[in-house]
């Protein structure tokens, strides 16, 4: 049975009478569950996330913390936006939310991952980079 949608923009019931009539036509007992839809990250959050990766990479490099000093011994590799994402952010994301891509994150997930990454980097290096604000995204 194909679901019938009675909700429009911003979760408003489009036609309560039609919804009530549709319920009456169903021939089986059923349960209606109403749950909020969790939104995935916004485009502003995406921009801020990638700016954060860049800012953190710059700060780590400027302070002399290459990847081997933060992650493991080996060859000296400077940080970049992509390495911050792959070696710092994504492992925490996978453990906390079982999601491979940042595109799958909910708007609230980003703050939680940021807190863990920021705390870890701060404890390990003394570097704290704040999450970019809306104003910082304008530049």
Protein backbone atom coordinates (compact mmCIF):
# COMPACT_ATOMS: atom_id res chain seq x y z
CA UNK A 1 0.00 0.00 0.00
CA UNK A 2 1.45 3.34 -1.06
CA UNK A 3 1.48 5.91 1.75
CA UNK A 4 -0.65 8.99 1.34
CA UNK A 5 1.01 12.24 2.37
CA UNK A 6 -1.10 14.80 4.20
CA UNK A 7 1.68 17.06 5.39
CA UNK A 8 3.12 19.92 3.46
CA UNK A 9 5.88 22.44 4.03
CA UNK A 10 7.16 22.90 7.56
CA UNK A 11 5.19 19.89 8.78
CA UNK A 12 1.76 21.49 8.55
CA UNK A 13 -1.22 19.21 8.02
CA UNK A 14 -2.46 20.22 4.58
CA UNK A 15 -6.07 19.06 4.91
CA UNK A 16 -7.18 17.71 8.30
CA UNK A 17 -10.64 16.74 7.00
CA UNK A 18 -9.15 14.73 4.13
CA UNK A 19 -6.79 13.04 6.58
CA UNK A 20 -9.67 12.12 8.88
CA UNK A 21 -11.71 10.74 5.94
CA UNK A 22 -8.75 8.71 4.74
CA UNK A 23 -8.37 7.15 8.21
CA UNK A 24 -12.02 6.10 8.14
CA UNK A 25 -11.57 4.30 4.80
CA UNK A 26 -8.86 2.00 6.10
CA UNK A 27 -10.22 -1.45 6.74
CA UNK A 28 -7.63 -2.56 9.29
CA UNK A 29 -6.66 -1.48 12.73
CA UNK A 30 -3.49 0.55 12.69
CA UNK A 31 -1.30 2.77 14.74
CA UNK A 32 -0.28 6.26 13.64
CA UNK A 33 3.11 7.41 14.84
CA UNK A 34 4.14 11.02 14.54
CA UNK A 35 7.85 11.68 14.79
CA UNK A 36 9.86 14.77 14.00
CA UNK A 37 11.94 14.51 10.87
CA UNK A 38 15.59 15.07 11.66
CA UNK A 39 17.12 17.28 9.05
CA UNK A 40 20.50 16.57 7.57
CA UNK A 41 23.19 19.22 7.71
CA UNK A 42 22.42 22.51 6.05
CA UNK A 43 24.49 24.07 3.28
CA UNK A 44 25.73 26.65 5.82
CA UNK A 45 26.82 23.83 8.14
CA UNK A 46 28.60 22.17 5.23
CA UNK A 47 30.48 25.39 4.43
CA UNK A 48 31.34 25.87 8.11
CA UNK A 49 32.48 22.27 8.44
CA UNK A 50 34.91 22.55 5.55
CA UNK A 51 36.14 25.96 6.71
CA UNK A 52 36.77 24.40 10.14
CA UNK A 53 38.84 21.64 8.51
CA UNK A 54 40.94 24.28 6.74
CA UNK A 55 41.36 26.46 9.85
CA UNK A 56 42.36 23.51 12.03
CA UNK A 57 44.84 22.25 9.43
CA UNK A 58 46.44 25.71 9.26
CA UNK A 59 46.70 26.01 13.06
CA UNK A 60 48.17 22.53 13.47
CA UNK A 61 50.73 23.17 10.73
CA UNK A 62 51.64 26.62 12.09
CA UNK A 63 52.20 25.15 15.56
CA UNK A 64 54.49 22.44 14.16
CA UNK A 65 52.05 19.55 14.65
CA UNK A 66 52.28 17.51 11.49
CA UNK A 67 50.24 14.32 11.11
CA UNK A 68 52.89 12.05 12.64
CA UNK A 69 52.95 14.15 15.81
CA UNK A 70 49.19 14.03 16.20
CA UNK A 71 48.30 10.58 14.85
CA UNK A 72 51.36 8.30 14.66
CA UNK A 73 55.09 8.21 14.08
CA UNK A 74 56.28 8.06 10.51
CA UNK A 75 56.85 10.41 7.67
CA UNK A 76 56.23 14.12 8.22
CA UNK A 77 52.99 15.05 6.46
CA UNK A 78 51.47 18.53 6.77
CA UNK A 79 47.76 18.84 7.50
CA UNK A 80 45.22 19.86 4.86
CA UNK A 81 41.45 20.29 4.87
CA UNK A 82 41.13 16.77 3.47
CA UNK A 83 43.46 15.10 5.98
CA UNK A 84 41.68 16.80 8.91
CA UNK A 85 38.41 15.45 7.52
CA UNK A 86 39.69 11.93 6.86
CA UNK A 87 41.94 11.35 9.89
CA UNK A 88 40.36 13.44 12.64
CA UNK A 89 36.70 14.11 11.85
CA UNK A 90 35.52 11.01 9.97
CA UNK A 91 36.79 8.38 12.47
CA UNK A 92 34.87 10.12 15.28
CA UNK A 93 31.82 10.45 13.03
CA UNK A 94 31.88 6.71 12.23
CA UNK A 95 32.15 5.68 15.88
CA UNK A 96 29.54 8.11 17.18
CA UNK A 97 26.92 7.93 14.43
CA UNK A 98 27.84 4.98 12.18
CA UNK A 99 27.83 7.28 9.14
CA UNK A 100 30.47 7.23 6.42
CA UNK A 101 29.74 10.60 4.81
CA UNK A 102 29.26 14.06 6.28
CA UNK A 103 26.27 14.37 3.93
CA UNK A 104 24.44 11.84 6.14
CA UNK A 105 24.89 13.84 9.34
CA UNK A 106 21.95 15.43 11.11
CA UNK A 107 22.19 19.09 12.03
CA UNK A 108 22.76 18.19 15.69
CA UNK A 109 25.44 15.56 14.94
CA UNK A 110 27.96 18.14 13.79
CA UNK A 111 28.11 19.91 17.17
CA UNK A 112 28.63 16.62 18.99
CA UNK A 113 31.45 15.49 16.69
CA UNK A 114 33.06 18.94 16.83
CA UNK A 115 33.10 18.83 20.65
CA UNK A 116 34.92 15.47 20.66
CA UNK A 117 37.46 16.46 17.97
CA UNK A 118 38.10 19.88 19.53
CA UNK A 119 38.57 18.38 23.00
CA UNK A 120 40.95 15.70 21.70
CA UNK A 121 43.08 18.11 19.67
CA UNK A 122 43.10 20.60 22.54
CA UNK A 123 44.27 18.00 25.05
CA UNK A 124 46.91 16.68 22.69
CA UNK A 125 48.26 19.93 21.25
CA UNK A 126 46.81 22.86 23.19
CA UNK A 127 45.19 24.11 19.95
CA UNK A 128 41.50 25.02 19.97
CA UNK A 129 39.86 26.21 16.76
CA UNK A 130 36.29 27.42 17.18
CA UNK A 131 33.60 26.25 14.80
CA UNK A 132 33.12 28.94 12.10
CA UNK A 133 30.31 31.43 12.59
CA UNK A 134 27.90 32.63 9.92
CA UNK A 135 29.92 35.86 9.65
CA UNK A 136 33.15 33.95 8.98
CA UNK A 137 31.45 32.11 6.12
CA UNK A 138 30.79 35.40 4.35
CA UNK A 139 34.49 35.89 3.53
